[in-house]
Amino acid sequence: MTGRAASGGRPRTLRIDPHVHTSASYDGVTPPADLVRRACAVGLDGIVVTNSGLASMLVIGTAVGLSGIAEFLPKDRRHLAGALRVAAIGILVLLVLRSTWRIIT
């Protein structure tokens, strides 16, 4: 996949992992926020979370998005980054609680 560099220069190749699972999926072990950090650390431009279930995907997508936004905020916005990360963790905790409730009832 190619896109234009931010400067409007030559096309550049985007590096995306098109198939990752998070700890919210039965076949994943990595929390969404850690996936975002790892993707940034290895120079990926994006990831595609492929967990099962539409509701789970929407919830996890929201959490990953919040966490991803937090990663790119300037250092003088640390309080906002912290709030976004707390919101992302809260969303994931609610998903785990909901899933646990469905299993036990």
PDB file of N, CA and C in Angstrom:
ATOM      1  N   MET A   1       0.853  -1.165   0.000  1.00  0.00           N
ATOM      2  CA  MET A   1       0.000   0.000   0.000  1.00  0.00           C
ATOM      3  C   MET A   1       0.901   1.232   0.000  1.00  0.00           C
ATOM      4  N   THR A   2       0.568   2.192  -0.813  1.00  0.00           N
ATOM      5  CA  THR A   2       1.393   3.387  -0.860  1.00  0.00           C
ATOM      6  C   THR A   2       0.564   4.613  -0.543  1.00  0.00           C
ATOM      7  N   GLY A   3       1.215   5.636  -0.114  1.00  0.00           N
ATOM      8  CA  GLY A   3       0.566   6.903   0.178  1.00  0.00           C
ATOM      9  C   GLY A   3       1.579   8.009  -0.007  1.00  0.00           C
ATOM     10  N   ARG A   4       1.158   9.210   0.081  1.00  0.00           N
ATOM     11  CA  ARG A   4       2.055  10.362  -0.056  1.00  0.00           C
ATOM     12  C   ARG A   4       2.679  10.688   1.293  1.00  0.00           C
ATOM     13  N   ALA A   5       3.923  11.053   1.244  1.00  0.00           N
ATOM     14  CA  ALA A   5       4.595  11.500   2.462  1.00  0.00           C
ATOM     15  C   ALA A   5       3.917  12.777   2.945  1.00  0.00           C
ATOM     16  N   ALA A   6       3.999  13.044   4.232  1.00  0.00           N
ATOM     17  CA  ALA A   6       3.353  14.227   4.806  1.00  0.00           C
ATOM     18  C   ALA A   6       3.801  15.513   4.114  1.00  0.00           C
ATOM     19  N   SER A   7       5.015  15.517   3.617  1.00  0.00           N
ATOM     20  CA  SER A   7       5.533  16.712   2.954  1.00  0.00           C
ATOM     21  C   SER A   7       5.017  16.845   1.526  1.00  0.00           C
ATOM     22  N   GLY A   8       4.224  15.856   1.055  1.00  0.00           N
ATOM     23  CA  GLY A   8       3.711  15.897  -0.312  1.00  0.00           C
ATOM     24  C   GLY A   8       4.728  15.394  -1.317  1.00  0.00           C
ATOM     25  N   GLY A   9       5.781  14.785  -0.820  1.00  0.00           N
ATOM     26  CA  GLY A   9       6.856  14.296  -1.688  1.00  0.00           C
ATOM     27  C   GLY A   9       6.516  12.996  -2.378  1.00  0.00           C
ATOM     28  N   ARG A  10       7.525  12.197  -2.564  1.00  0.00           N
ATOM     29  CA  ARG A  10       7.372  10.926  -3.272  1.00  0.00           C
ATOM     30  C   ARG A  10       6.442   9.980  -2.515  1.00  0.00           C
ATOM     31  N   PRO A  11       5.815   9.053  -3.244  1.00  0.00           N
ATOM     32  CA  PRO A  11       4.989   8.043  -2.554  1.00  0.00           C
ATOM     33  C   PRO A  11       5.862   7.221  -1.608  1.00  0.00           C
ATOM     34  N   ARG A  12       5.271   6.773  -0.531  1.00  0.00           N
ATOM     35  CA  ARG A  12       6.001   5.902   0.379  1.00  0.00           C
ATOM     36  C   ARG A  12       5.141   4.686   0.694  1.00  0.00           C
ATOM     37  N   THR A  13       5.777   3.598   1.019  1.00  0.00           N
ATOM     38  CA  THR A  13       5.072   2.373   1.363  1.00  0.00           C
ATOM     39  C   THR A  13       4.640   2.435   2.818  1.00  0.00           C
ATOM     40  N   LEU A  14       3.367   2.136   3.073  1.00  0.00           N
ATOM     41  CA  LEU A  14       2.861   2.061   4.443  1.00  0.00           C
ATOM     42  C   LEU A  14       3.097   0.655   4.966  1.00  0.00           C
ATOM     43  N   ARG A  15       3.581   0.556   6.184  1.00  0.00           N
ATOM     44  CA  ARG A  15       3.827  -0.744   6.813  1.00  0.00           C
ATOM     45  C   ARG A  15       2.700  -1.033   7.779  1.00  0.00           C
ATOM     46  N   ILE A  16       1.880  -2.048   7.468  1.00  0.00           N
ATOM     47  CA  ILE A  16       0.701  -2.387   8.270  1.00  0.00           C
ATOM     48  C   ILE A  16       0.694  -3.887   8.536  1.00  0.00           C
ATOM     49  N   ASP A  17       0.417  -4.262   9.774  1.00  0.00           N
ATOM     50  CA  ASP A  17       0.178  -5.674  10.091  1.00  0.00           C
ATOM     51  C   ASP A  17      -1.323  -5.889   9.942  1.00  0.00           C
ATOM     52  N   PRO A  18      -1.748  -6.643   8.924  1.00  0.00           N
ATOM     53  CA  PRO A  18      -3.178  -6.754   8.633  1.00  0.00           C
ATOM     54  C   PRO A  18      -3.943  -7.786   9.454  1.00  0.00           C
ATOM     55  N   HIS A  19      -3.280  -8.436  10.425  1.00  0.00           N
ATOM     56  CA  HIS A  19      -3.988  -9.479  11.166  1.00  0.00           C
ATOM     57  C   HIS A  19      -3.342  -9.675  12.538  1.00  0.00           C
ATOM     58  N   VAL A  20      -3.881  -9.002  13.568  1.00  0.00           N
ATOM     59  CA  VAL A  20      -3.393  -9.185  14.936  1.00  0.00           C
ATOM     60  C   VAL A  20      -4.578  -9.481  15.850  1.00  0.00           C
ATOM     61  N   HIS A  21      -4.312 -10.239  16.900  1.00  0.00           N
ATOM     62  CA  HIS A  21      -5.329 -10.559  17.907  1.00  0.00           C
ATOM     63  C   HIS A  21      -4.903  -9.959  19.239  1.00  0.00           C
ATOM     64  N   THR A  22      -5.861  -9.494  20.012  1.00  0.00           N
ATOM     65  CA  THR A  22      -5.578  -8.954  21.337  1.00  0.00           C
ATOM     66  C   THR A  22      -5.948  -9.976  22.402  1.00  0.00           C
ATOM     67  N   SER A  23      -5.663  -9.619  23.641  1.00  0.00           N
ATOM     68  CA  SER A  23      -5.984 -10.501  24.763  1.00  0.00           C
ATOM     69  C   SER A  23      -7.491 -10.675  24.952  1.00  0.00           C
ATOM     70  N   ALA A  24      -8.297  -9.863  24.276  1.00  0.00           N
ATOM     71  CA  ALA A  24      -9.746 -10.022  24.366  1.00  0.00           C
ATOM     72  C   ALA A  24     -10.243 -11.156  23.473  1.00  0.00           C
ATOM     73  N   SER A  25      -9.382 -11.694  22.657  1.00  0.00           N
ATOM     74  CA  SER A  25      -9.736 -12.802  21.780  1.00  0.00           C
ATOM     75  C   SER A  25      -9.188 -14.096  22.377  1.00  0.00           C
ATOM     76  N   TYR A  26      -9.849 -15.208  22.113  1.00  0.00           N
ATOM     77  CA  TYR A  26      -9.409 -16.476  22.689  1.00  0.00           C
ATOM     78  C   TYR A  26      -8.015 -16.885  22.208  1.00  0.00           C
ATOM     79  N   ASP A  27      -7.583 -16.363  21.074  1.00  0.00           N
ATOM     80  CA  ASP A  27      -6.293 -16.751  20.529  1.00  0.00           C
ATOM     81  C   ASP A  27      -5.250 -15.629  20.586  1.00  0.00           C
ATOM     82  N   GLY A  28      -5.476 -14.643  21.455  1.00  0.00           N
ATOM     83  CA  GLY A  28      -4.515 -13.557  21.612  1.00  0.00           C
ATOM     84  C   GLY A  28      -4.107 -13.399  23.057  1.00  0.00           C
ATOM     85  N   VAL A  29      -2.918 -12.904  23.300  1.00  0.00           N
ATOM     86  CA  VAL A  29      -2.431 -12.733  24.667  1.00  0.00           C
ATOM     87  C   VAL A  29      -1.971 -11.308  24.971  1.00  0.00           C
ATOM     88  N   THR A  30      -1.866 -10.462  23.962  1.00  0.00           N
ATOM     89  CA  THR A  30      -1.319  -9.119  24.148  1.00  0.00           C
ATOM     90  C   THR A  30      -2.435  -8.095  24.316  1.00  0.00           C
ATOM     91  N   PRO A  31      -2.404  -7.295  25.393  1.00  0.00           N
ATOM     92  CA  PRO A  31      -3.412  -6.232  25.566  1.00  0.00           C
ATOM     93  C   PRO A  31      -3.335  -5.226  24.407  1.00  0.00           C
ATOM     94  N   PRO A  32      -4.478  -4.652  24.016  1.00  0.00           N
ATOM     95  CA  PRO A  32      -4.504  -3.719  22.885  1.00  0.00           C
ATOM     96  C   PRO A  32      -3.503  -2.571  22.992  1.00  0.00           C
ATOM     97  N   ALA A  33      -3.391  -1.954  24.164  1.00  0.00           N
ATOM     98  CA  ALA A  33      -2.460  -0.838  24.314  1.00  0.00           C
ATOM     99  C   ALA A  33      -1.022  -1.281  24.049  1.00  0.00           C
ATOM    100  N   ASP A  34      -0.677  -2.507  24.480  1.00  0.00           N
ATOM    101  CA  ASP A  34       0.665  -3.029  24.213  1.00  0.00           C
ATOM    102  C   ASP A  34       0.874  -3.274  22.721  1.00  0.00           C
ATOM    103  N   LEU A  35      -0.174  -3.724  22.031  1.00  0.00           N
ATOM    104  CA  LEU A  35      -0.062  -3.916  20.577  1.00  0.00           C
ATOM    105  C   LEU A  35       0.256  -2.602  19.879  1.00  0.00           C
ATOM    106  N   VAL A  36      -0.417  -1.538  20.295  1.00  0.00           N
ATOM    107  CA  VAL A  36      -0.169  -0.223  19.693  1.00  0.00           C
ATOM    108  C   VAL A  36       1.267   0.206  19.963  1.00  0.00           C
ATOM    109  N   ARG A  37       1.722   0.053  21.204  1.00  0.00           N
ATOM    110  CA  ARG A  37       3.099   0.439  21.541  1.00  0.00           C
ATOM    111  C   ARG A  37       4.114  -0.352  20.730  1.00  0.00           C
ATOM    112  N   ARG A  38       3.885  -1.671  20.624  1.00  0.00           N
ATOM    113  CA  ARG A  38       4.817  -2.523  19.871  1.00  0.00           C
ATOM    114  C   ARG A  38       4.816  -2.156  18.390  1.00  0.00           C
ATOM    115  N   ALA A  39       3.628  -1.878  17.844  1.00  0.00           N
ATOM    116  CA  ALA A  39       3.535  -1.494  16.433  1.00  0.00           C
ATOM    117  C   ALA A  39       4.320  -0.209  16.185  1.00  0.00           C
ATOM    118  N   CYS A  40       4.178   0.759  17.087  1.00  0.00           N
ATOM    119  CA  CYS A  40       4.928   2.022  16.960  1.00  0.00           C
ATOM    120  C   CYS A  40       6.423   1.768  17.092  1.00  0.00           C
ATOM    121  N   ALA A  41       6.796   0.903  18.037  1.00  0.00           N
ATOM    122  CA  ALA A  41       8.212   0.643  18.299  1.00  0.00           C
ATOM    123  C   ALA A  41       8.921   0.012  17.103  1.00  0.00           C
ATOM    124  N   VAL A  42       8.209  -0.817  16.338  1.00  0.00           N
ATOM    125  CA  VAL A  42       8.842  -1.465  15.183  1.00  0.00           C
ATOM    126  C   VAL A  42       8.607  -0.695  13.892  1.00  0.00           C
ATOM    127  N   GLY A  43       7.976   0.477  13.993  1.00  0.00           N
ATOM    128  CA  GLY A  43       7.826   1.342  12.834  1.00  0.00           C
ATOM    129  C   GLY A  43       6.624   1.069  11.952  1.00  0.00           C
ATOM    130  N   LEU A  44       5.616   0.365  12.481  1.00  0.00           N
ATOM    131  CA  LEU A  44       4.411   0.132  11.677  1.00  0.00           C
ATOM    132  C   LEU A  44       3.577   1.402  11.597  1.00  0.00           C
ATOM    133  N   ASP A  45       2.903   1.576  10.478  1.00  0.00           N
ATOM    134  CA  ASP A  45       1.997   2.716  10.298  1.00  0.00           C
ATOM    135  C   ASP A  45       0.591   2.388  10.783  1.00  0.00           C
ATOM    136  N   GLY A  46       0.284   1.111  10.956  1.00  0.00           N
ATOM    137  CA  GLY A  46      -1.044   0.722  11.411  1.00  0.00           C
ATOM    138  C   GLY A  46      -1.131  -0.767  11.675  1.00  0.00           C
ATOM    139  N   ILE A  47      -2.188  -1.154  12.377  1.00  0.00           N
ATOM    140  CA  ILE A  47      -2.492  -2.563  12.620  1.00  0.00           C
ATOM    141  C   ILE A  47      -3.983  -2.766  12.385  1.00  0.00           C
ATOM    142  N   VAL A  48      -4.348  -4.004  12.096  1.00  0.00           N
ATOM    143  CA  VAL A  48      -5.758  -4.366  11.938  1.00  0.00           C
ATOM    144  C   VAL A  48      -6.064  -5.440  12.972  1.00  0.00           C
ATOM    145  N   VAL A  49      -6.892  -5.093  13.962  1.00  0.00           N
ATOM    146  CA  VAL A  49      -7.277  -6.038  15.010  1.00  0.00           C
ATOM    147  C   VAL A  49      -8.357  -6.944  14.446  1.00  0.00           C
ATOM    148  N   THR A  50      -8.143  -8.250  14.520  1.00  0.00           N
ATOM    149  CA  THR A  50      -9.054  -9.205  13.899  1.00  0.00           C
ATOM    150  C   THR A  50      -9.663 -10.169  14.913  1.00  0.00           C
ATOM    151  N   ASN A  51     -10.023  -9.671  16.077  1.00  0.00           N
ATOM    152  CA  ASN A  51     -10.687 -10.508  17.079  1.00  0.00           C
ATOM    153  C   ASN A  51     -12.068 -10.910  16.581  1.00  0.00           C
ATOM    154  N   SER A  52     -12.583 -11.983  17.148  1.00  0.00           N
ATOM    155  CA  SER A  52     -13.908 -12.467  16.769  1.00  0.00           C
ATOM    156  C   SER A  52     -15.006 -11.657  17.439  1.00  0.00           C
ATOM    157  N   GLY A  53     -16.150 -11.539  16.766  1.00  0.00           N
ATOM    158  CA  GLY A  53     -17.319 -10.881  17.335  1.00  0.00           C
ATOM    159  C   GLY A  53     -17.354  -9.393  17.054  1.00  0.00           C
ATOM    160  N   LEU A  54     -18.441  -8.908  16.477  1.00  0.00           N
ATOM    161  CA  LEU A  54     -18.556  -7.504  16.109  1.00  0.00           C
ATOM    162  C   LEU A  54     -18.490  -6.578  17.311  1.00  0.00           C
ATOM    163  N   ALA A  55     -19.213  -6.905  18.366  1.00  0.00           N
ATOM    164  CA  ALA A  55     -19.213  -6.036  19.549  1.00  0.00           C
ATOM    165  C   ALA A  55     -17.811  -5.931  20.130  1.00  0.00           C
ATOM    166  N   SER A  56     -17.131  -7.057  20.233  1.00  0.00           N
ATOM    167  CA  SER A  56     -15.762  -7.044  20.753  1.00  0.00           C
ATOM    168  C   SER A  56     -14.859  -6.203  19.877  1.00  0.00           C
ATOM    169  N   MET A  57     -15.015  -6.342  18.570  1.00  0.00           N
ATOM    170  CA  MET A  57     -14.168  -5.589  17.652  1.00  0.00           C
ATOM    171  C   MET A  57     -14.391  -4.089  17.803  1.00  0.00           C
ATOM    172  N   LEU A  58     -15.646  -3.679  17.952  1.00  0.00           N
ATOM    173  CA  LEU A  58     -15.936  -2.256  18.108  1.00  0.00           C
ATOM    174  C   LEU A  58     -15.360  -1.708  19.408  1.00  0.00           C
ATOM    175  N   VAL A  59     -15.525  -2.466  20.484  1.00  0.00           N
ATOM    176  CA  VAL A  59     -15.020  -2.031  21.788  1.00  0.00           C
ATOM    177  C   VAL A  59     -13.500  -1.968  21.771  1.00  0.00           C
ATOM    178  N   ILE A  60     -12.872  -3.008  21.251  1.00  0.00           N
ATOM    179  CA  ILE A  60     -11.419  -3.051  21.218  1.00  0.00           C
ATOM    180  C   ILE A  60     -10.877  -1.982  20.274  1.00  0.00           C
ATOM    181  N   GLY A  61     -11.552  -1.771  19.159  1.00  0.00           N
ATOM    182  CA  GLY A  61     -11.141  -0.719  18.237  1.00  0.00           C
ATOM    183  C   GLY A  61     -11.154   0.643  18.900  1.00  0.00           C
ATOM    184  N   THR A  62     -12.162   0.896  19.692  1.00  0.00           N
ATOM    185  CA  THR A  62     -12.247   2.165  20.419  1.00  0.00           C
ATOM    186  C   THR A  62     -11.086   2.294  21.404  1.00  0.00           C
ATOM    187  N   ALA A  63     -10.840   1.226  22.153  1.00  0.00           N
ATOM    188  CA  ALA A  63      -9.750   1.256  23.139  1.00  0.00           C
ATOM    189  C   ALA A  63      -8.400   1.435  22.457  1.00  0.00           C
ATOM    190  N   VAL A  64      -8.176   0.711  21.380  1.00  0.00           N
ATOM    191  CA  VAL A  64      -6.910   0.832  20.657  1.00  0.00           C
ATOM    192  C   VAL A  64      -6.764   2.236  20.081  1.00  0.00           C
ATOM    193  N   GLY A  65      -7.865   2.772  19.555  1.00  0.00           N
ATOM    194  CA  GLY A  65      -7.824   4.129  19.010  1.00  0.00           C
ATOM    195  C   GLY A  65      -7.460   5.159  20.066  1.00  0.00           C
ATOM    196  N   LEU A  66      -8.085   5.055  21.229  1.00  0.00           N
ATOM    197  CA  LEU A  66      -7.768   5.985  22.324  1.00  0.00           C
ATOM    198  C   LEU A  66      -6.312   5.863  22.745  1.00  0.00           C
ATOM    199  N   SER A  67      -5.857   4.632  22.864  1.00  0.00           N
ATOM    200  CA  SER A  67      -4.478   4.405  23.271  1.00  0.00           C
ATOM    201  C   SER A  67      -3.510   4.903  22.198  1.00  0.00           C
ATOM    202  N   GLY A  68      -3.864   4.676  20.939  1.00  0.00           N
ATOM    203  CA  GLY A  68      -3.015   5.135  19.842  1.00  0.00           C
ATOM    204  C   GLY A  68      -2.909   6.642  19.796  1.00  0.00           C
ATOM    205  N   ILE A  69      -4.023   7.316  20.009  1.00  0.00           N
ATOM    206  CA  ILE A  69      -4.016   8.780  20.047  1.00  0.00           C
ATOM    207  C   ILE A  69      -3.102   9.256  21.175  1.00  0.00           C
ATOM    208  N   ALA A  70      -3.195   8.592  22.319  1.00  0.00           N
ATOM    209  CA  ALA A  70      -2.378   8.974  23.469  1.00  0.00           C
ATOM    210  C   ALA A  70      -0.883   8.870  23.150  1.00  0.00           C
ATOM    211  N   GLU A  71      -0.495   7.882  22.349  1.00  0.00           N
ATOM    212  CA  GLU A  71       0.914   7.677  22.010  1.00  0.00           C
ATOM    213  C   GLU A  71       1.489   8.837  21.202  1.00  0.00           C
ATOM    214  N   PHE A  72       0.645   9.521  20.448  1.00  0.00           N
ATOM    215  CA  PHE A  72       1.139  10.554  19.542  1.00  0.00           C
ATOM    216  C   PHE A  72       0.960  11.978  20.063  1.00  0.00           C
ATOM    217  N   LEU A  73       0.425  12.133  21.255  1.00  0.00           N
ATOM    218  CA  LEU A  73       0.247  13.471  21.815  1.00  0.00           C
ATOM    219  C   LEU A  73       1.597  14.039  22.257  1.00  0.00           C
ATOM    220  N   PRO A  74       1.772  15.349  22.138  1.00  0.00           N
ATOM    221  CA  PRO A  74       3.022  15.948  22.594  1.00  0.00           C
ATOM    222  C   PRO A  74       3.210  15.781  24.098  1.00  0.00           C
ATOM    223  N   LYS A  75       4.444  15.882  24.525  1.00  0.00           N
ATOM    224  CA  LYS A  75       4.766  15.674  25.945  1.00  0.00           C
ATOM    225  C   LYS A  75       4.038  16.638  26.865  1.00  0.00           C
ATOM    226  N   ASP A  76       3.713  17.842  26.386  1.00  0.00           N
ATOM    227  CA  ASP A  76       3.006  18.788  27.243  1.00  0.00           C
ATOM    228  C   ASP A  76       1.528  18.448  27.404  1.00  0.00           C
ATOM    229  N   ARG A  77       1.084  17.392  26.775  1.00  0.00           N
ATOM    230  CA  ARG A  77      -0.307  16.920  26.894  1.00  0.00           C
ATOM    231  C   ARG A  77      -0.388  15.582  27.632  1.00  0.00           C
ATOM    232  N   ARG A  78       0.545  15.348  28.533  1.00  0.00           N
ATOM    233  CA  ARG A  78       0.584  14.063  29.252  1.00  0.00           C
ATOM    234  C   ARG A  78      -0.691  13.791  30.049  1.00  0.00           C
ATOM    235  N   HIS A  79      -1.306  14.837  30.615  1.00  0.00           N
ATOM    236  CA  HIS A  79      -2.532  14.618  31.388  1.00  0.00           C
ATOM    237  C   HIS A  79      -3.648  14.100  30.485  1.00  0.00           C
ATOM    238  N   LEU A  80      -3.724  14.592  29.259  1.00  0.00           N
ATOM    239  CA  LEU A  80      -4.728  14.105  28.309  1.00  0.00           C
ATOM    240  C   LEU A  80      -4.404  12.685  27.868  1.00  0.00           C
ATOM    241  N   ALA A  81      -3.123  12.411  27.629  1.00  0.00           N
ATOM    242  CA  ALA A  81      -2.710  11.063  27.254  1.00  0.00           C
ATOM    243  C   ALA A  81      -3.061  10.068  28.360  1.00  0.00           C
ATOM    244  N   GLY A  82      -2.815  10.469  29.610  1.00  0.00           N
ATOM    245  CA  GLY A  82      -3.162   9.598  30.740  1.00  0.00           C
ATOM    246  C   GLY A  82      -4.652   9.335  30.814  1.00  0.00           C
ATOM    247  N   ALA A  83      -5.447  10.362  30.580  1.00  0.00           N
ATOM    248  CA  ALA A  83      -6.912  10.198  30.608  1.00  0.00           C
ATOM    249  C   ALA A  83      -7.371   9.266  29.496  1.00  0.00           C
ATOM    250  N   LEU A  84      -6.777   9.386  28.311  1.00  0.00           N
ATOM    251  CA  LEU A  84      -7.147   8.498  27.201  1.00  0.00           C
ATOM    252  C   LEU A  84      -6.782   7.050  27.516  1.00  0.00           C
ATOM    253  N   ARG A  85      -5.611   6.864  28.126  1.00  0.00           N
ATOM    254  CA  ARG A  85      -5.206   5.494  28.480  1.00  0.00           C
ATOM    255  C   ARG A  85      -6.130   4.909  29.552  1.00  0.00           C
ATOM    256  N   VAL A  86      -6.508   5.709  30.533  1.00  0.00           N
ATOM    257  CA  VAL A  86      -7.436   5.240  31.569  1.00  0.00           C
ATOM    258  C   VAL A  86      -8.782   4.878  30.938  1.00  0.00           C
ATOM    259  N   ALA A  87      -9.252   5.697  30.016  1.00  0.00           N
ATOM    260  CA  ALA A  87     -10.511   5.394  29.326  1.00  0.00           C
ATOM    261  C   ALA A  87     -10.390   4.088  28.548  1.00  0.00           C
ATOM    262  N   ALA A  88      -9.262   3.894  27.873  1.00  0.00           N
ATOM    263  CA  ALA A  88      -9.059   2.662  27.110  1.00  0.00           C
ATOM    264  C   ALA A  88      -9.060   1.446  28.029  1.00  0.00           C
ATOM    265  N   ILE A  89      -8.373   1.546  29.159  1.00  0.00           N
ATOM    266  CA  ILE A  89      -8.341   0.434  30.117  1.00  0.00           C
ATOM    267  C   ILE A  89      -9.736   0.184  30.674  1.00  0.00           C
ATOM    268  N   GLY A  90     -10.471   1.258  30.985  1.00  0.00           N
ATOM    269  CA  GLY A  90     -11.842   1.102  31.486  1.00  0.00           C
ATOM    270  C   GLY A  90     -12.735   0.384  30.492  1.00  0.00           C
ATOM    271  N   ILE A  91     -12.603   0.728  29.225  1.00  0.00           N
ATOM    272  CA  ILE A  91     -13.393   0.068  28.176  1.00  0.00           C
ATOM    273  C   ILE A  91     -13.066  -1.413  28.131  1.00  0.00           C
ATOM    274  N   LEU A  92     -11.788  -1.755  28.213  1.00  0.00           N
ATOM    275  CA  LEU A  92     -11.391  -3.167  28.168  1.00  0.00           C
ATOM    276  C   LEU A  92     -11.844  -3.922  29.410  1.00  0.00           C
ATOM    277  N   VAL A  93     -11.793  -3.279  30.569  1.00  0.00           N
ATOM    278  CA  VAL A  93     -12.272  -3.924  31.799  1.00  0.00           C
ATOM    279  C   VAL A  93     -13.766  -4.225  31.673  1.00  0.00           C
ATOM    280  N   LEU A  94     -14.531  -3.276  31.141  1.00  0.00           N
ATOM    281  CA  LEU A  94     -15.964  -3.517  30.949  1.00  0.00           C
ATOM    282  C   LEU A  94     -16.205  -4.682  29.998  1.00  0.00           C
ATOM    283  N   LEU A  95     -15.394  -4.794  28.943  1.00  0.00           N
ATOM    284  CA  LEU A  95     -15.536  -5.910  28.014  1.00  0.00           C
ATOM    285  C   LEU A  95     -15.252  -7.236  28.709  1.00  0.00           C
ATOM    286  N   VAL A  96     -14.211  -7.270  29.531  1.00  0.00           N
ATOM    287  CA  VAL A  96     -13.880  -8.505  30.262  1.00  0.00           C
ATOM    288  C   VAL A  96     -14.996  -8.855  31.237  1.00  0.00           C
ATOM    289  N   LEU A  97     -15.503  -7.874  31.962  1.00  0.00           N
ATOM    290  CA  LEU A  97     -16.601  -8.131  32.907  1.00  0.00           C
ATOM    291  C   LEU A  97     -17.841  -8.645  32.176  1.00  0.00           C
ATOM    292  N   ARG A  98     -18.151  -8.023  31.047  1.00  0.00           N
ATOM    293  CA  ARG A  98     -19.311  -8.460  30.263  1.00  0.00           C
ATOM    294  C   ARG A  98     -19.121  -9.897  29.778  1.00  0.00           C
ATOM    295  N   SER A  99     -17.927 -10.205  29.285  1.00  0.00           N
ATOM    296  CA  SER A  99     -17.663 -11.553  28.806  1.00  0.00           C
ATOM    297  C   SER A  99     -17.731 -12.574  29.942  1.00  0.00           C
ATOM    298  N   THR A 100     -17.190 -12.210  31.104  1.00  0.00           N
ATOM    299  CA  THR A 100     -17.227 -13.108  32.262  1.00  0.00           C
ATOM    300  C   THR A 100     -18.671 -13.335  32.696  1.00  0.00           C
ATOM    301  N   TRP A 101     -19.471 -12.282  32.712  1.00  0.00           N
ATOM    302  CA  TRP A 101     -20.874 -12.400  33.102  1.00  0.00           C
ATOM    303  C   TRP A 101     -21.613 -13.338  32.162  1.00  0.00           C
ATOM    304  N   ARG A 102     -21.320 -13.242  30.873  1.00  0.00           N
ATOM    305  CA  ARG A 102     -21.985 -14.110  29.895  1.00  0.00           C
ATOM    306  C   ARG A 102     -21.606 -15.567  30.100  1.00  0.00           C
ATOM    307  N   ILE A 103     -20.371 -15.811  30.535  1.00  0.00           N
ATOM    308  CA  ILE A 103     -19.925 -17.181  30.749  1.00  0.00           C
ATOM    309  C   ILE A 103     -20.589 -17.791  31.978  1.00  0.00           C
ATOM    310  N   ILE A 104     -20.709 -17.007  33.067  1.00  0.00           N
ATOM    311  CA  ILE A 104     -21.226 -17.571  34.313  1.00  0.00           C
ATOM    312  C   ILE A 104     -22.746 -17.583  34.388  1.00  0.00           C
ATOM    313  N   THR A 105     -23.439 -16.875  33.495  1.00  0.00           N
ATOM    314  CA  THR A 105     -24.899 -16.898  33.556  1.00  0.00           C
ATOM    315  C   THR A 105     -25.503 -17.674  32.414  1.00  0.00           C
TER     316      THR A 105
END
